[in-house]
Amino acid sequence: MKTIELMAVNPGLDELLELARKECGLRLTRLGQTVAEVIPTNIQPIKRITPLHPGTWQVGEDFDQPLPEGFWMGRE
């Protein structure tokens, strides 16, 4: 996160927003005191890739079958 002293620089809003995006955040100070922090949001969602690991596991034939009684009693 980059810090900008507002008394030394008079940046425009567009410039501040672009700098915040590039720097992953921006801290604005006046006379050494923090007055605001600008945190960019992730505008573009992360693209998910499917399937990640094809064929690494398979659903068993008995997936939808009830569990044995011993499972619920802690014996299996």
PDB file of N, CA and C in Angstrom:
ATOM      1  N   MET A   1       0.858  -1.174   0.000  1.00  0.00           N
ATOM      2  CA  MET A   1       0.000   0.000   0.000  1.00  0.00           C
ATOM      3  C   MET A   1       0.897   1.227   0.000  1.00  0.00           C
ATOM      4  N   LYS A   2       0.646   2.106  -0.937  1.00  0.00           N
ATOM      5  CA  LYS A   2       1.431   3.323  -1.071  1.00  0.00           C
ATOM      6  C   LYS A   2       0.783   4.449  -0.262  1.00  0.00           C
ATOM      7  N   THR A   3       1.612   5.332   0.286  1.00  0.00           N
ATOM      8  CA  THR A   3       1.122   6.476   1.062  1.00  0.00           C
ATOM      9  C   THR A   3       1.364   7.759   0.279  1.00  0.00           C
ATOM     10  N   ILE A   4       0.355   8.624   0.232  1.00  0.00           N
ATOM     11  CA  ILE A   4       0.477   9.913  -0.449  1.00  0.00           C
ATOM     12  C   ILE A   4       0.110  11.015   0.537  1.00  0.00           C
ATOM     13  N   GLU A   5       0.980  12.008   0.646  1.00  0.00           N
ATOM     14  CA  GLU A   5       0.743  13.181   1.484  1.00  0.00           C
ATOM     15  C   GLU A   5      -0.012  14.207   0.644  1.00  0.00           C
ATOM     16  N   LEU A   6      -1.256  14.501   1.024  1.00  0.00           N
ATOM     17  CA  LEU A   6      -2.110  15.377   0.231  1.00  0.00           C
ATOM     18  C   LEU A   6      -1.637  16.823   0.202  1.00  0.00           C
ATOM     19  N   MET A   7      -0.939  17.268   1.238  1.00  0.00           N
ATOM     20  CA  MET A   7      -0.457  18.654   1.259  1.00  0.00           C
ATOM     21  C   MET A   7       0.684  18.849   0.257  1.00  0.00           C
ATOM     22  N   ALA A   8       1.436  17.788  -0.039  1.00  0.00           N
ATOM     23  CA  ALA A   8       2.555  17.894  -0.964  1.00  0.00           C
ATOM     24  C   ALA A   8       2.119  17.706  -2.412  1.00  0.00           C
ATOM     25  N   VAL A   9       1.085  16.920  -2.618  1.00  0.00           N
ATOM     26  CA  VAL A   9       0.611  16.603  -3.970  1.00  0.00           C
ATOM     27  C   VAL A   9      -0.883  16.899  -4.023  1.00  0.00           C
ATOM     28  N   ASN A  10      -1.354  17.370  -5.151  1.00  0.00           N
ATOM     29  CA  ASN A  10      -2.787  17.613  -5.322  1.00  0.00           C
ATOM     30  C   ASN A  10      -3.273  16.754  -6.489  1.00  0.00           C
ATOM     31  N   PRO A  11      -3.424  15.449  -6.271  1.00  0.00           N
ATOM     32  CA  PRO A  11      -3.805  14.565  -7.367  1.00  0.00           C
ATOM     33  C   PRO A  11      -5.304  14.637  -7.662  1.00  0.00           C
ATOM     34  N   GLY A  12      -5.656  14.319  -8.899  1.00  0.00           N
ATOM     35  CA  GLY A  12      -7.061  14.238  -9.284  1.00  0.00           C
ATOM     36  C   GLY A  12      -7.616  12.883  -8.871  1.00  0.00           C
ATOM     37  N   LEU A  13      -8.938  12.781  -8.848  1.00  0.00           N
ATOM     38  CA  LEU A  13      -9.595  11.553  -8.422  1.00  0.00           C
ATOM     39  C   LEU A  13      -9.237  10.378  -9.330  1.00  0.00           C
ATOM     40  N   ASP A  14      -9.254  10.593 -10.645  1.00  0.00           N
ATOM     41  CA  ASP A  14      -8.904   9.517 -11.574  1.00  0.00           C
ATOM     42  C   ASP A  14      -7.481   9.016 -11.337  1.00  0.00           C
ATOM     43  N   GLU A  15      -6.579   9.944 -11.086  1.00  0.00           N
ATOM     44  CA  GLU A  15      -5.183   9.589 -10.822  1.00  0.00           C
ATOM     45  C   GLU A  15      -5.062   8.765  -9.530  1.00  0.00           C
ATOM     46  N   LEU A  16      -5.789   9.167  -8.498  1.00  0.00           N
ATOM     47  CA  LEU A  16      -5.771   8.435  -7.237  1.00  0.00           C
ATOM     48  C   LEU A  16      -6.320   7.018  -7.401  1.00  0.00           C
ATOM     49  N   LEU A  17      -7.432   6.889  -8.121  1.00  0.00           N
ATOM     50  CA  LEU A  17      -8.032   5.576  -8.312  1.00  0.00           C
ATOM     51  C   LEU A  17      -7.127   4.648  -9.113  1.00  0.00           C
ATOM     52  N   GLU A  18      -6.496   5.176 -10.146  1.00  0.00           N
ATOM     53  CA  GLU A  18      -5.585   4.355 -10.953  1.00  0.00           C
ATOM     54  C   GLU A  18      -4.369   3.938 -10.123  1.00  0.00           C
ATOM     55  N   LEU A  19      -3.846   4.847  -9.330  1.00  0.00           N
ATOM     56  CA  LEU A  19      -2.707   4.527  -8.472  1.00  0.00           C
ATOM     57  C   LEU A  19      -3.089   3.492  -7.421  1.00  0.00           C
ATOM     58  N   ALA A  20      -4.284   3.604  -6.855  1.00  0.00           N
ATOM     59  CA  ALA A  20      -4.756   2.630  -5.864  1.00  0.00           C
ATOM     60  C   ALA A  20      -4.875   1.252  -6.492  1.00  0.00           C
ATOM     61  N   ARG A  21      -5.349   1.187  -7.726  1.00  0.00           N
ATOM     62  CA  ARG A  21      -5.476  -0.098  -8.415  1.00  0.00           C
ATOM     63  C   ARG A  21      -4.107  -0.713  -8.673  1.00  0.00           C
ATOM     64  N   LYS A  22      -3.156   0.092  -9.114  1.00  0.00           N
ATOM     65  CA  LYS A  22      -1.808  -0.409  -9.417  1.00  0.00           C
ATOM     66  C   LYS A  22      -1.070  -0.844  -8.155  1.00  0.00           C
ATOM     67  N   GLU A  23      -1.243  -0.104  -7.075  1.00  0.00           N
ATOM     68  CA  GLU A  23      -0.496  -0.351  -5.839  1.00  0.00           C
ATOM     69  C   GLU A  23      -1.218  -1.282  -4.865  1.00  0.00           C
ATOM     70  N   CYS A  24      -2.371  -1.802  -5.238  1.00  0.00           N
ATOM     71  CA  CYS A  24      -3.192  -2.658  -4.358  1.00  0.00           C
ATOM     72  C   CYS A  24      -3.621  -1.924  -3.097  1.00  0.00           C
ATOM     73  N   GLY A  25      -3.801  -0.637  -3.208  1.00  0.00           N
ATOM     74  CA  GLY A  25      -4.271   0.153  -2.083  1.00  0.00           C
ATOM     75  C   GLY A  25      -3.501   1.452  -1.975  1.00  0.00           C
ATOM     76  N   LEU A  26      -4.124   2.416  -1.334  1.00  0.00           N
ATOM     77  CA  LEU A  26      -3.524   3.735  -1.227  1.00  0.00           C
ATOM     78  C   LEU A  26      -3.922   4.352   0.114  1.00  0.00           C
ATOM     79  N   ARG A  27      -2.952   4.911   0.819  1.00  0.00           N
ATOM     80  CA  ARG A  27      -3.214   5.592   2.094  1.00  0.00           C
ATOM     81  C   ARG A  27      -2.997   7.082   1.861  1.00  0.00           C
ATOM     82  N   LEU A  28      -4.021   7.874   2.154  1.00  0.00           N
ATOM     83  CA  LEU A  28      -3.937   9.322   1.990  1.00  0.00           C
ATOM     84  C   LEU A  28      -3.716   9.966   3.347  1.00  0.00           C
ATOM     85  N   THR A  29      -2.721  10.841   3.419  1.00  0.00           N
ATOM     86  CA  THR A  29      -2.402  11.503   4.690  1.00  0.00           C
ATOM     87  C   THR A  29      -2.443  13.021   4.511  1.00  0.00           C
ATOM     88  N   ARG A  30      -2.704  13.696   5.608  1.00  0.00           N
ATOM     89  CA  ARG A  30      -2.644  15.153   5.645  1.00  0.00           C
ATOM     90  C   ARG A  30      -1.901  15.511   6.920  1.00  0.00           C
ATOM     91  N   LEU A  31      -0.791  16.213   6.759  1.00  0.00           N
ATOM     92  CA  LEU A  31       0.085  16.587   7.875  1.00  0.00           C
ATOM     93  C   LEU A  31       0.520  15.365   8.682  1.00  0.00           C
ATOM     94  N   GLY A  32       0.769  14.260   7.971  1.00  0.00           N
ATOM     95  CA  GLY A  32       1.270  13.041   8.618  1.00  0.00           C
ATOM     96  C   GLY A  32       0.205  12.154   9.229  1.00  0.00           C
ATOM     97  N   GLN A  33      -1.037  12.590   9.256  1.00  0.00           N
ATOM     98  CA  GLN A  33      -2.134  11.803   9.820  1.00  0.00           C
ATOM     99  C   GLN A  33      -2.939  11.158   8.698  1.00  0.00           C
ATOM    100  N   THR A  34      -3.229   9.873   8.837  1.00  0.00           N
ATOM    101  CA  THR A  34      -4.021   9.173   7.834  1.00  0.00           C
ATOM    102  C   THR A  34      -5.445   9.706   7.842  1.00  0.00           C
ATOM    103  N   VAL A  35      -5.925  10.099   6.661  1.00  0.00           N
ATOM    104  CA  VAL A  35      -7.300  10.591   6.550  1.00  0.00           C
ATOM    105  C   VAL A  35      -8.190   9.623   5.780  1.00  0.00           C
ATOM    106  N   ALA A  36      -7.579   8.755   4.950  1.00  0.00           N
ATOM    107  CA  ALA A  36      -8.381   7.796   4.184  1.00  0.00           C
ATOM    108  C   ALA A  36      -7.490   6.700   3.621  1.00  0.00           C
ATOM    109  N   GLU A  37      -8.109   5.563   3.381  1.00  0.00           N
ATOM    110  CA  GLU A  37      -7.447   4.473   2.678  1.00  0.00           C
ATOM    111  C   GLU A  37      -8.357   4.066   1.530  1.00  0.00           C
ATOM    112  N   VAL A  38      -7.785   3.915   0.368  1.00  0.00           N
ATOM    113  CA  VAL A  38      -8.534   3.516  -0.815  1.00  0.00           C
ATOM    114  C   VAL A  38      -8.092   2.102  -1.160  1.00  0.00           C
ATOM    115  N   ILE A  39      -9.033   1.169  -1.088  1.00  0.00           N
ATOM    116  CA  ILE A  39      -8.752  -0.237  -1.367  1.00  0.00           C
ATOM    117  C   ILE A  39      -9.511  -0.611  -2.642  1.00  0.00           C
ATOM    118  N   PRO A  40      -8.805  -1.039  -3.688  1.00  0.00           N
ATOM    119  CA  PRO A  40      -9.503  -1.398  -4.919  1.00  0.00           C
ATOM    120  C   PRO A  40     -10.273  -2.706  -4.765  1.00  0.00           C
ATOM    121  N   THR A  41     -11.367  -2.808  -5.497  1.00  0.00           N
ATOM    122  CA  THR A  41     -12.120  -4.050  -5.509  1.00  0.00           C
ATOM    123  C   THR A  41     -11.710  -4.847  -6.730  1.00  0.00           C
ATOM    124  N   ASN A  42     -11.910  -6.137  -6.649  1.00  0.00           N
ATOM    125  CA  ASN A  42     -11.585  -7.002  -7.762  1.00  0.00           C
ATOM    126  C   ASN A  42     -12.719  -6.887  -8.783  1.00  0.00           C
ATOM    127  N   ILE A  43     -12.485  -6.124  -9.833  1.00  0.00           N
ATOM    128  CA  ILE A  43     -13.526  -5.850 -10.816  1.00  0.00           C
ATOM    129  C   ILE A  43     -13.833  -7.081 -11.646  1.00  0.00           C
ATOM    130  N   GLN A  44     -12.813  -7.779 -12.095  1.00  0.00           N
ATOM    131  CA  GLN A  44     -13.023  -8.953 -12.921  1.00  0.00           C
ATOM    132  C   GLN A  44     -12.952 -10.198 -12.049  1.00  0.00           C
ATOM    133  N   PRO A  45     -14.012 -10.995 -12.082  1.00  0.00           N
ATOM    134  CA  PRO A  45     -13.990 -12.212 -11.272  1.00  0.00           C
ATOM    135  C   PRO A  45     -12.916 -13.175 -11.771  1.00  0.00           C
ATOM    136  N   ILE A  46     -12.408 -13.962 -10.853  1.00  0.00           N
ATOM    137  CA  ILE A  46     -11.405 -14.951 -11.204  1.00  0.00           C
ATOM    138  C   ILE A  46     -12.071 -16.040 -12.035  1.00  0.00           C
ATOM    139  N   LYS A  47     -11.497 -16.324 -13.190  1.00  0.00           N
ATOM    140  CA  LYS A  47     -12.071 -17.332 -14.062  1.00  0.00           C
ATOM    141  C   LYS A  47     -11.776 -18.713 -13.494  1.00  0.00           C
ATOM    142  N   ARG A  48     -12.828 -19.496 -13.302  1.00  0.00           N
ATOM    143  CA  ARG A  48     -12.672 -20.845 -12.785  1.00  0.00           C
ATOM    144  C   ARG A  48     -12.456 -21.805 -13.931  1.00  0.00           C
ATOM    145  N   ILE A  49     -11.571 -22.739 -13.720  1.00  0.00           N
ATOM    146  CA  ILE A  49     -11.261 -23.742 -14.725  1.00  0.00           C
ATOM    147  C   ILE A  49     -11.816 -25.074 -14.245  1.00  0.00           C
ATOM    148  N   THR A  50     -12.685 -25.680 -15.053  1.00  0.00           N
ATOM    149  CA  THR A  50     -13.228 -26.976 -14.673  1.00  0.00           C
ATOM    150  C   THR A  50     -13.007 -27.957 -15.798  1.00  0.00           C
ATOM    151  N   PRO A  51     -12.809 -29.169 -15.563  1.00  0.00           N
ATOM    152  CA  PRO A  51     -12.471 -29.737 -14.260  1.00  0.00           C
ATOM    153  C   PRO A  51     -10.993 -29.536 -13.965  1.00  0.00           C
ATOM    154  N   LEU A  52     -10.668 -29.347 -12.708  1.00  0.00           N
ATOM    155  CA  LEU A  52      -9.268 -29.120 -12.340  1.00  0.00           C
ATOM    156  C   LEU A  52      -8.436 -30.390 -12.451  1.00  0.00           C
ATOM    157  N   HIS A  53      -8.969 -31.485 -11.967  1.00  0.00           N
ATOM    158  CA  HIS A  53      -8.225 -32.748 -11.968  1.00  0.00           C
ATOM    159  C   HIS A  53      -9.128 -33.866 -12.474  1.00  0.00           C
ATOM    160  N   PRO A  54      -9.360 -33.911 -13.783  1.00  0.00           N
ATOM    161  CA  PRO A  54     -10.282 -34.926 -14.296  1.00  0.00           C
ATOM    162  C   PRO A  54      -9.769 -36.341 -14.036  1.00  0.00           C
ATOM    163  N   GLY A  55     -10.693 -37.199 -13.615  1.00  0.00           N
ATOM    164  CA  GLY A  55     -10.361 -38.596 -13.408  1.00  0.00           C
ATOM    165  C   GLY A  55      -9.645 -38.917 -12.110  1.00  0.00           C
ATOM    166  N   THR A  56      -9.434 -37.942 -11.222  1.00  0.00           N
ATOM    167  CA  THR A  56      -8.711 -38.229  -9.985  1.00  0.00           C
ATOM    168  C   THR A  56      -9.575 -38.941  -8.958  1.00  0.00           C
ATOM    169  N   TRP A  57     -10.894 -38.825  -9.052  1.00  0.00           N
ATOM    170  CA  TRP A  57     -11.788 -39.560  -8.161  1.00  0.00           C
ATOM    171  C   TRP A  57     -13.104 -39.802  -8.878  1.00  0.00           C
ATOM    172  N   GLN A  58     -13.805 -40.790  -8.408  1.00  0.00           N
ATOM    173  CA  GLN A  58     -15.090 -41.132  -9.000  1.00  0.00           C
ATOM    174  C   GLN A  58     -16.106 -41.356  -7.891  1.00  0.00           C
ATOM    175  N   VAL A  59     -17.348 -41.048  -8.206  1.00  0.00           N
ATOM    176  CA  VAL A  59     -18.428 -41.273  -7.255  1.00  0.00           C
ATOM    177  C   VAL A  59     -18.741 -42.767  -7.253  1.00  0.00           C
ATOM    178  N   GLY A  60     -18.805 -43.362  -6.063  1.00  0.00           N
ATOM    179  CA  GLY A  60     -19.091 -44.783  -5.939  1.00  0.00           C
ATOM    180  C   GLY A  60     -20.523 -45.114  -6.322  1.00  0.00           C
ATOM    181  N   GLU A  61     -20.737 -46.360  -6.703  1.00  0.00           N
ATOM    182  CA  GLU A  61     -22.075 -46.828  -7.083  1.00  0.00           C
ATOM    183  C   GLU A  61     -23.071 -46.680  -5.936  1.00  0.00           C
ATOM    184  N   ASP A  62     -22.591 -46.812  -4.681  1.00  0.00           N
ATOM    185  CA  ASP A  62     -23.478 -46.776  -3.525  1.00  0.00           C
ATOM    186  C   ASP A  62     -23.578 -45.377  -2.891  1.00  0.00           C
ATOM    187  N   PHE A  63     -23.229 -44.337  -3.626  1.00  0.00           N
ATOM    188  CA  PHE A  63     -23.201 -42.979  -3.082  1.00  0.00           C
ATOM    189  C   PHE A  63     -24.523 -42.570  -2.448  1.00  0.00           C
ATOM    190  N   ASP A  64     -25.634 -42.881  -3.099  1.00  0.00           N
ATOM    191  CA  ASP A  64     -26.950 -42.463  -2.615  1.00  0.00           C
ATOM    192  C   ASP A  64     -27.583 -43.452  -1.634  1.00  0.00           C
ATOM    193  N   GLN A  65     -26.907 -44.521  -1.333  1.00  0.00           N
ATOM    194  CA  GLN A  65     -27.468 -45.542  -0.441  1.00  0.00           C
ATOM    195  C   GLN A  65     -27.361 -45.068   1.012  1.00  0.00           C
ATOM    196  N   PRO A  66     -28.280 -45.491   1.859  1.00  0.00           N
ATOM    197  CA  PRO A  66     -28.202 -45.121   3.282  1.00  0.00           C
ATOM    198  C   PRO A  66     -26.929 -45.703   3.917  1.00  0.00           C
ATOM    199  N   LEU A  67     -26.407 -44.994   4.890  1.00  0.00           N
ATOM    200  CA  LEU A  67     -25.225 -45.480   5.600  1.00  0.00           C
ATOM    201  C   LEU A  67     -25.624 -46.610   6.540  1.00  0.00           C
ATOM    202  N   PRO A  68     -24.698 -47.556   6.789  1.00  0.00           N
ATOM    203  CA  PRO A  68     -25.025 -48.659   7.694  1.00  0.00           C
ATOM    204  C   PRO A  68     -25.267 -48.147   9.117  1.00  0.00           C
ATOM    205  N   GLU A  69     -26.066 -48.848   9.879  1.00  0.00           N
ATOM    206  CA  GLU A  69     -26.417 -48.442  11.243  1.00  0.00           C
ATOM    207  C   GLU A  69     -25.168 -48.280  12.110  1.00  0.00           C
ATOM    208  N   GLY A  70     -24.172 -49.130  11.892  1.00  0.00           N
ATOM    209  CA  GLY A  70     -22.933 -49.039  12.683  1.00  0.00           C
ATOM    210  C   GLY A  70     -22.202 -47.723  12.492  1.00  0.00           C
ATOM    211  N   PHE A  71     -22.362 -47.094  11.347  1.00  0.00           N
ATOM    212  CA  PHE A  71     -21.722 -45.812  11.103  1.00  0.00           C
ATOM    213  C   PHE A  71     -22.225 -44.756  12.090  1.00  0.00           C
ATOM    214  N   TRP A  72     -23.532 -44.742  12.310  1.00  0.00           N
ATOM    215  CA  TRP A  72     -24.134 -43.749  13.199  1.00  0.00           C
ATOM    216  C   TRP A  72     -23.797 -44.022  14.657  1.00  0.00           C
ATOM    217  N   MET A  73     -23.487 -45.284  14.963  1.00  0.00           N
ATOM    218  CA  MET A  73     -23.155 -45.640  16.354  1.00  0.00           C
ATOM    219  C   MET A  73     -21.652 -45.575  16.611  1.00  0.00           C
ATOM    220  N   GLY A  74     -20.860 -45.191  15.578  1.00  0.00           N
ATOM    221  CA  GLY A  74     -19.420 -45.063  15.755  1.00  0.00           C
ATOM    222  C   GLY A  74     -18.687 -46.379  15.678  1.00  0.00           C
ATOM    223  N   ARG A  75     -19.299 -47.411  15.120  1.00  0.00           N
ATOM    224  CA  ARG A  75     -18.633 -48.710  15.027  1.00  0.00           C
ATOM    225  C   ARG A  75     -18.009 -48.947  13.661  1.00  0.00           C
ATOM    226  N   GLU A  76     -18.262 -48.130  12.704  1.00  0.00           N
ATOM    227  CA  GLU A  76     -17.650 -48.323  11.368  1.00  0.00           C
ATOM    228  C   GLU A  76     -16.880 -47.114  10.976  1.00  0.00           C
TER     229      GLU A  76
END
